[in-house]
PDB file of N, CA and C in Angstrom:
ATOM      1  N   MET A   1     104.870 128.242 120.435  1.00  0.00           N
ATOM      2  CA  MET A   1     105.259 126.865 120.626  1.00  0.00           C
ATOM      3  C   MET A   1     106.757 126.735 120.321  1.00  0.00           C
ATOM      4  N   PRO A   2     107.560 126.216 121.246  1.00  0.00           N
ATOM      5  CA  PRO A   2     108.999 126.097 121.014  1.00  0.00           C
ATOM      6  C   PRO A   2     109.309 124.988 120.008  1.00  0.00           C
ATOM      7  N   TYR A   3     110.435 125.153 119.376  1.00  0.00           N
ATOM      8  CA  TYR A   3     110.891 124.163 118.406  1.00  0.00           C
ATOM      9  C   TYR A   3     111.373 122.916 119.138  1.00  0.00           C
ATOM     10  N   GLU A   4     110.880 121.767 118.716  1.00  0.00           N
ATOM     11  CA  GLU A   4     111.319 120.503 119.297  1.00  0.00           C
ATOM     12  C   GLU A   4     111.897 119.633 118.201  1.00  0.00           C
ATOM     13  N   ARG A   5     113.064 119.131 118.461  1.00  0.00           N
ATOM     14  CA  ARG A   5     113.725 118.273 117.486  1.00  0.00           C
ATOM     15  C   ARG A   5     113.593 116.829 117.956  1.00  0.00           C
ATOM     16  N   ALA A   6     113.031 116.001 117.121  1.00  0.00           N
ATOM     17  CA  ALA A   6     112.861 114.597 117.464  1.00  0.00           C
ATOM     18  C   ALA A   6     113.780 113.747 116.593  1.00  0.00           C
ATOM     19  N   ILE A   7     114.557 112.926 117.244  1.00  0.00           N
ATOM     20  CA  ILE A   7     115.467 112.030 116.534  1.00  0.00           C
ATOM     21  C   ILE A   7     115.063 110.601 116.855  1.00  0.00           C
ATOM     22  N   ASP A   8     114.764 109.857 115.824  1.00  0.00           N
ATOM     23  CA  ASP A   8     114.417 108.453 116.020  1.00  0.00           C
ATOM     24  C   ASP A   8     115.692 107.660 116.269  1.00  0.00           C
ATOM     25  N   GLU A   9     115.701 106.918 117.361  1.00  0.00           N
ATOM     26  CA  GLU A   9     116.852 106.075 117.669  1.00  0.00           C
ATOM     27  C   GLU A   9     116.784 104.832 116.777  1.00  0.00           C
ATOM     28  N   PRO A  10     117.900 104.472 116.141  1.00  0.00           N
ATOM     29  CA  PRO A  10     117.885 103.260 115.322  1.00  0.00           C
ATOM     30  C   PRO A  10     117.736 102.027 116.202  1.00  0.00           C
ATOM     31  N   ALA A  11     117.174 100.990 115.631  1.00  0.00           N
ATOM     32  CA  ALA A  11     117.006  99.746 116.378  1.00  0.00           C
ATOM     33  C   ALA A  11     118.375  99.151 116.692  1.00  0.00           C
ATOM     34  N   PRO A  12     118.522  98.523 117.859  1.00  0.00           N
ATOM     35  CA  PRO A  12     119.822  97.937 118.199  1.00  0.00           C
ATOM     36  C   PRO A  12     120.163  96.777 117.257  1.00  0.00           C
ATOM     37  N   VAL A  13     121.437  96.572 117.056  1.00  0.00           N
ATOM     38  CA  VAL A  13     121.899  95.479 116.202  1.00  0.00           C
ATOM     39  C   VAL A  13     121.804  94.189 117.000  1.00  0.00           C
ATOM     40  N   THR A  14     121.080  93.211 116.470  1.00  0.00           N
ATOM     41  CA  THR A  14     120.887  91.951 117.182  1.00  0.00           C
ATOM     42  C   THR A  14     121.573  90.771 116.495  1.00  0.00           C
ATOM     43  N   THR A  15     121.992  90.927 115.261  1.00  0.00           N
ATOM     44  CA  THR A  15     122.657  89.838 114.557  1.00  0.00           C
ATOM     45  C   THR A  15     124.115  89.756 114.995  1.00  0.00           C
ATOM     46  N   PRO A  16     124.719  88.583 114.927  1.00  0.00           N
ATOM     47  CA  PRO A  16     126.135  88.487 115.286  1.00  0.00           C
ATOM     48  C   PRO A  16     126.979  89.304 114.321  1.00  0.00           C
ATOM     49  N   PRO A  17     128.071  89.879 114.804  1.00  0.00           N
ATOM     50  CA  PRO A  17     128.913  90.667 113.907  1.00  0.00           C
ATOM     51  C   PRO A  17     129.600  89.771 112.880  1.00  0.00           C
ATOM     52  N   CYS A  18     129.997  90.373 111.783  1.00  0.00           N
ATOM     53  CA  CYS A  18     130.721  89.646 110.745  1.00  0.00           C
ATOM     54  C   CYS A  18     132.067  89.201 111.313  1.00  0.00           C
ATOM     55  N   LYS A  19     132.503  88.046 110.902  1.00  0.00           N
ATOM     56  CA  LYS A  19     133.772  87.498 111.363  1.00  0.00           C
ATOM     57  C   LYS A  19     134.946  88.402 110.982  1.00  0.00           C
ATOM     58  N   HIS A  20     134.801  89.177 109.918  1.00  0.00           N
ATOM     59  CA  HIS A  20     135.882  90.019 109.425  1.00  0.00           C
ATOM     60  C   HIS A  20     135.834  91.446 109.950  1.00  0.00           C
ATOM     61  N   LEU A  21     134.814  91.811 110.723  1.00  0.00           N
ATOM     62  CA  LEU A  21     134.678  93.173 111.232  1.00  0.00           C
ATOM     63  C   LEU A  21     135.628  93.391 112.407  1.00  0.00           C
ATOM     64  N   ARG A  22     136.386  94.477 112.362  1.00  0.00           N
ATOM     65  CA  ARG A  22     137.325  94.811 113.420  1.00  0.00           C
ATOM     66  C   ARG A  22     137.140  96.253 113.854  1.00  0.00           C
ATOM     67  N   SER A  23     137.473  96.527 115.123  1.00  0.00           N
ATOM     68  CA  SER A  23     137.464  97.891 115.644  1.00  0.00           C
ATOM     69  C   SER A  23     138.541  97.997 116.716  1.00  0.00           C
ATOM     70  N   LYS A  24     138.950  99.203 117.001  1.00  0.00           N
ATOM     71  CA  LYS A  24     139.991  99.422 117.996  1.00  0.00           C
ATOM     72  C   LYS A  24     139.544  98.944 119.372  1.00  0.00           C
ATOM     73  N   SER A  25     138.252  99.064 119.668  1.00  0.00           N
ATOM     74  CA  SER A  25     137.758  98.646 120.981  1.00  0.00           C
ATOM     75  C   SER A  25     137.949  97.154 121.205  1.00  0.00           C
ATOM     76  N   MET A  26     138.012  96.373 120.147  1.00  0.00           N
ATOM     77  CA  MET A  26     138.240  94.937 120.291  1.00  0.00           C
ATOM     78  C   MET A  26     139.625  94.664 120.868  1.00  0.00           C
ATOM     79  N   TYR A  27     140.597  95.496 120.508  1.00  0.00           N
ATOM     80  CA  TYR A  27     141.969  95.296 120.952  1.00  0.00           C
ATOM     81  C   TYR A  27     142.271  96.020 122.262  1.00  0.00           C
ATOM     82  N   VAL A  28     141.638  97.163 122.492  1.00  0.00           N
ATOM     83  CA  VAL A  28     141.907  97.948 123.694  1.00  0.00           C
ATOM     84  C   VAL A  28     141.059  97.461 124.868  1.00  0.00           C
ATOM     85  N   GLU A  29     139.766  97.311 124.648  1.00  0.00           N
ATOM     86  CA  GLU A  29     138.848  96.942 125.723  1.00  0.00           C
ATOM     87  C   GLU A  29     138.585  95.449 125.800  1.00  0.00           C
ATOM     88  N   GLY A  30     138.938  94.707 124.758  1.00  0.00           N
ATOM     89  CA  GLY A  30     138.719  93.269 124.747  1.00  0.00           C
ATOM     90  C   GLY A  30     137.284  92.862 124.491  1.00  0.00           C
ATOM     91  N   THR A  31     136.488  93.761 123.913  1.00  0.00           N
ATOM     92  CA  THR A  31     135.092  93.428 123.633  1.00  0.00           C
ATOM     93  C   THR A  31     134.992  92.680 122.317  1.00  0.00           C
ATOM     94  N   GLN A  32     134.160  91.662 122.280  1.00  0.00           N
ATOM     95  CA  GLN A  32     133.994  90.861 121.067  1.00  0.00           C
ATOM     96  C   GLN A  32     133.197  91.612 120.010  1.00  0.00           C
ATOM     97  N   ARG A  33     132.157  92.307 120.453  1.00  0.00           N
ATOM     98  CA  ARG A  33     131.277  93.014 119.519  1.00  0.00           C
ATOM     99  C   ARG A  33     131.641  94.495 119.493  1.00  0.00           C
ATOM    100  N   PRO A  34     131.978  95.036 118.310  1.00  0.00           N
ATOM    101  CA  PRO A  34     132.271  96.467 118.229  1.00  0.00           C
ATOM    102  C   PRO A  34     131.023  97.291 118.510  1.00  0.00           C
ATOM    103  N   SER A  35     131.199  98.424 119.170  1.00  0.00           N
ATOM    104  CA  SER A  35     130.043  99.276 119.434  1.00  0.00           C
ATOM    105  C   SER A  35     129.582  99.920 118.134  1.00  0.00           C
ATOM    106  N   GLU A  36     128.366 100.379 118.132  1.00  0.00           N
ATOM    107  CA  GLU A  36     127.774 100.939 116.916  1.00  0.00           C
ATOM    108  C   GLU A  36     128.393 102.274 116.528  1.00  0.00           C
ATOM    109  N   ASN A  37     129.073 102.924 117.460  1.00  0.00           N
ATOM    110  CA  ASN A  37     129.662 104.237 117.177  1.00  0.00           C
ATOM    111  C   ASN A  37     131.167 104.190 116.964  1.00  0.00           C
ATOM    112  N   SER A  38     131.777 103.040 117.184  1.00  0.00           N
ATOM    113  CA  SER A  38     133.231 102.987 117.047  1.00  0.00           C
ATOM    114  C   SER A  38     133.635 102.825 115.586  1.00  0.00           C
ATOM    115  N   PRO A  39     134.747 103.449 115.197  1.00  0.00           N
ATOM    116  CA  PRO A  39     135.239 103.275 113.829  1.00  0.00           C
ATOM    117  C   PRO A  39     135.644 101.820 113.595  1.00  0.00           C
ATOM    118  N   CYS A  40     135.261 101.289 112.466  1.00  0.00           N
ATOM    119  CA  CYS A  40     135.525  99.885 112.147  1.00  0.00           C
ATOM    120  C   CYS A  40     136.228  99.758 110.805  1.00  0.00           C
ATOM    121  N   TRP A  41     136.802  98.589 110.583  1.00  0.00           N
ATOM    122  CA  TRP A  41     137.385  98.263 109.288  1.00  0.00           C
ATOM    123  C   TRP A  41     137.148  96.786 109.012  1.00  0.00           C
ATOM    124  N   CYS A  42     137.332  96.414 107.767  1.00  0.00           N
ATOM    125  CA  CYS A  42     137.171  95.029 107.346  1.00  0.00           C
ATOM    126  C   CYS A  42     138.534  94.354 107.387  1.00  0.00           C
ATOM    127  N   ASN A  43     138.617  93.198 108.013  1.00  0.00           N
ATOM    128  CA  ASN A  43     139.881  92.494 108.122  1.00  0.00           C
ATOM    129  C   ASN A  43     140.307  91.879 106.787  1.00  0.00           C
ATOM    130  N   GLN A  44     139.375  91.698 105.867  1.00  0.00           N
ATOM    131  CA  GLN A  44     139.721  91.163 104.551  1.00  0.00           C
ATOM    132  C   GLN A  44     140.443  92.209 103.707  1.00  0.00           C
ATOM    133  N   THR A  45     139.977  93.449 103.776  1.00  0.00           N
ATOM    134  CA  THR A  45     140.554  94.505 102.943  1.00  0.00           C
ATOM    135  C   THR A  45     141.507  95.411 103.711  1.00  0.00           C
ATOM    136  N   GLN A  46     141.470  95.356 105.051  1.00  0.00           N
ATOM    137  CA  GLN A  46     142.255  96.241 105.910  1.00  0.00           C
ATOM    138  C   GLN A  46     141.920  97.706 105.632  1.00  0.00           C
ATOM    139  N   HIS A  47     140.657  97.965 105.363  1.00  0.00           N
ATOM    140  CA  HIS A  47     140.197  99.297 104.987  1.00  0.00           C
ATOM    141  C   HIS A  47     138.786  99.493 105.532  1.00  0.00           C
ATOM    142  N   VAL A  48     138.282 100.720 105.482  1.00  0.00           N
ATOM    143  CA  VAL A  48     136.919 100.994 105.939  1.00  0.00           C
ATOM    144  C   VAL A  48     135.880 100.466 104.958  1.00  0.00           C
ATOM    145  N   LEU A  49     136.299 100.102 103.766  1.00  0.00           N
ATOM    146  CA  LEU A  49     135.402  99.500 102.786  1.00  0.00           C
ATOM    147  C   LEU A  49     135.637  97.995 102.730  1.00  0.00           C
ATOM    148  N   GLY A  50     134.555  97.244 102.644  1.00  0.00           N
ATOM    149  CA  GLY A  50     134.670  95.803 102.514  1.00  0.00           C
ATOM    150  C   GLY A  50     134.939  95.393 101.082  1.00  0.00           C
ATOM    151  N   PRO A  51     135.022  94.097 100.806  1.00  0.00           N
ATOM    152  CA  PRO A  51     135.273  93.610  99.450  1.00  0.00           C
ATOM    153  C   PRO A  51     134.189  94.016  98.455  1.00  0.00           C
ATOM    154  N   ASP A  52     133.001  94.298  98.954  1.00  0.00           N
ATOM    155  CA  ASP A  52     131.899  94.715  98.082  1.00  0.00           C
ATOM    156  C   ASP A  52     131.808  96.233  97.934  1.00  0.00           C
ATOM    157  N   GLN A  53     132.845  96.949  98.387  1.00  0.00           N
ATOM    158  CA  GLN A  53     132.941  98.412  98.295  1.00  0.00           C
ATOM    159  C   GLN A  53     131.874  99.143  99.111  1.00  0.00           C
ATOM    160  N   GLN A  54     131.348  98.511 100.152  1.00  0.00           N
ATOM    161  CA  GLN A  54     130.419  99.127 101.094  1.00  0.00           C
ATOM    162  C   GLN A  54     131.169  99.367 102.405  1.00  0.00           C
ATOM    163  N   PHE A  55     130.733 100.375 103.167  1.00  0.00           N
ATOM    164  CA  PHE A  55     131.398 100.706 104.424  1.00  0.00           C
ATOM    165  C   PHE A  55     131.245  99.594 105.451  1.00  0.00           C
ATOM    166  N   ALA A  56     132.301  99.380 106.218  1.00  0.00           N
ATOM    167  CA  ALA A  56     132.298  98.404 107.301  1.00  0.00           C
ATOM    168  C   ALA A  56     131.819  99.073 108.575  1.00  0.00           C
ATOM    169  N   GLY A  57     130.979  98.394 109.321  1.00  0.00           N
ATOM    170  CA  GLY A  57     130.476  98.915 110.583  1.00  0.00           C
ATOM    171  C   GLY A  57     129.532  97.930 111.231  1.00  0.00           C
ATOM    172  N   ALA A  58     129.266  98.133 112.508  1.00  0.00           N
ATOM    173  CA  ALA A  58     128.382  97.233 113.249  1.00  0.00           C
ATOM    174  C   ALA A  58     126.977  97.204 112.646  1.00  0.00           C
ATOM    175  N   ARG A  59     126.522  98.313 112.083  1.00  0.00           N
ATOM    176  CA  ARG A  59     125.189  98.379 111.479  1.00  0.00           C
ATOM    177  C   ARG A  59     125.170  97.888 110.035  1.00  0.00           C
ATOM    178  N   THR A  60     126.291  97.999 109.339  1.00  0.00           N
ATOM    179  CA  THR A  60     126.290  97.702 107.907  1.00  0.00           C
ATOM    180  C   THR A  60     126.787  96.307 107.560  1.00  0.00           C
ATOM    181  N   CYS A  61     127.581  95.689 108.420  1.00  0.00           N
ATOM    182  CA  CYS A  61     128.114  94.348 108.137  1.00  0.00           C
ATOM    183  C   CYS A  61     127.134  93.299 108.655  1.00  0.00           C
ATOM    184  N   THR A  62     126.075  93.113 107.899  1.00  0.00           N
ATOM    185  CA  THR A  62     125.007  92.207 108.295  1.00  0.00           C
ATOM    186  C   THR A  62     124.884  91.059 107.294  1.00  0.00           C
ATOM    187  N   SER A  63     123.972  90.159 107.564  1.00  0.00           N
ATOM    188  CA  SER A  63     123.824  88.953 106.749  1.00  0.00           C
ATOM    189  C   SER A  63     123.374  89.234 105.319  1.00  0.00           C
ATOM    190  N   GLY A  64     122.974  90.442 104.996  1.00  0.00           N
ATOM    191  CA  GLY A  64     122.547  90.765 103.640  1.00  0.00           C
ATOM    192  C   GLY A  64     123.691  90.992 102.667  1.00  0.00           C
ATOM    193  N   ARG A  65     124.916  91.034 103.156  1.00  0.00           N
ATOM    194  CA  ARG A  65     126.072  91.278 102.288  1.00  0.00           C
ATOM    195  C   ARG A  65     126.704  89.967 101.850  1.00  0.00           C
ATOM    196  N   ASP A  66     127.245  89.957 100.649  1.00  0.00           N
ATOM    197  CA  ASP A  66     127.858  88.747 100.106  1.00  0.00           C
ATOM    198  C   ASP A  66     129.105  88.325 100.886  1.00  0.00           C
ATOM    199  N   CYS A  67     129.829  89.267 101.450  1.00  0.00           N
ATOM    200  CA  CYS A  67     131.083  88.975 102.132  1.00  0.00           C
ATOM    201  C   CYS A  67     130.883  88.619 103.598  1.00  0.00           C
ATOM    202  N   TYR A  68     129.648  88.636 104.099  1.00  0.00           N
ATOM    203  CA  TYR A  68     129.365  88.408 105.514  1.00  0.00           C
ATOM    204  C   TYR A  68     129.578  86.954 105.903  1.00  0.00           C
ATOM    205  N   LEU A  69     130.313  86.753 106.997  1.00  0.00           N
ATOM    206  CA  LEU A  69     130.448  85.451 107.626  1.00  0.00           C
ATOM    207  C   LEU A  69     130.117  85.630 109.092  1.00  0.00           C
ATOM    208  N   PRO A  70     129.154  84.859 109.615  1.00  0.00           N
ATOM    209  CA  PRO A  70     128.794  85.051 111.025  1.00  0.00           C
ATOM    210  C   PRO A  70     129.935  84.628 111.933  1.00  0.00           C
ATOM    211  N   SER A  71     130.087  85.344 113.036  1.00  0.00           N
ATOM    212  CA  SER A  71     131.105  84.982 114.016  1.00  0.00           C
ATOM    213  C   SER A  71     130.590  83.815 114.846  1.00  0.00           C
ATOM    214  N   MET A  72     131.428  83.321 115.718  1.00  0.00           N
ATOM    215  CA  MET A  72     131.055  82.183 116.547  1.00  0.00           C
ATOM    216  C   MET A  72     130.238  82.601 117.764  1.00  0.00           C
ATOM    217  N   GLU A  73     129.895  83.896 117.855  1.00  0.00           N
ATOM    218  CA  GLU A  73     129.124  84.400 118.998  1.00  0.00           C
ATOM    219  C   GLU A  73     127.739  83.791 118.997  1.00  0.00           C
ATOM    220  N   VAL A  74     127.268  83.437 120.181  1.00  0.00           N
ATOM    221  CA  VAL A  74     125.930  82.848 120.312  1.00  0.00           C
ATOM    222  C   VAL A  74     124.999  83.834 120.939  1.00  0.00           C
TER     223      VAL A  74
END
């Protein structure tokens, strides 16, 4: 029996991105929502870590964080 590697795909992000989340694709491609694979930073700290010392990203900047502010996206 050959070896098969199964990778579970994470669920897509459905919540609006944090108002402070930024990525290069926002400036180059003009997309409002950063992709899940693009490098991101927090606009409050200007760093990959947010004010709560957690990594900034499309998957991690969700409503469960104290620093999260929903964007105006509907």
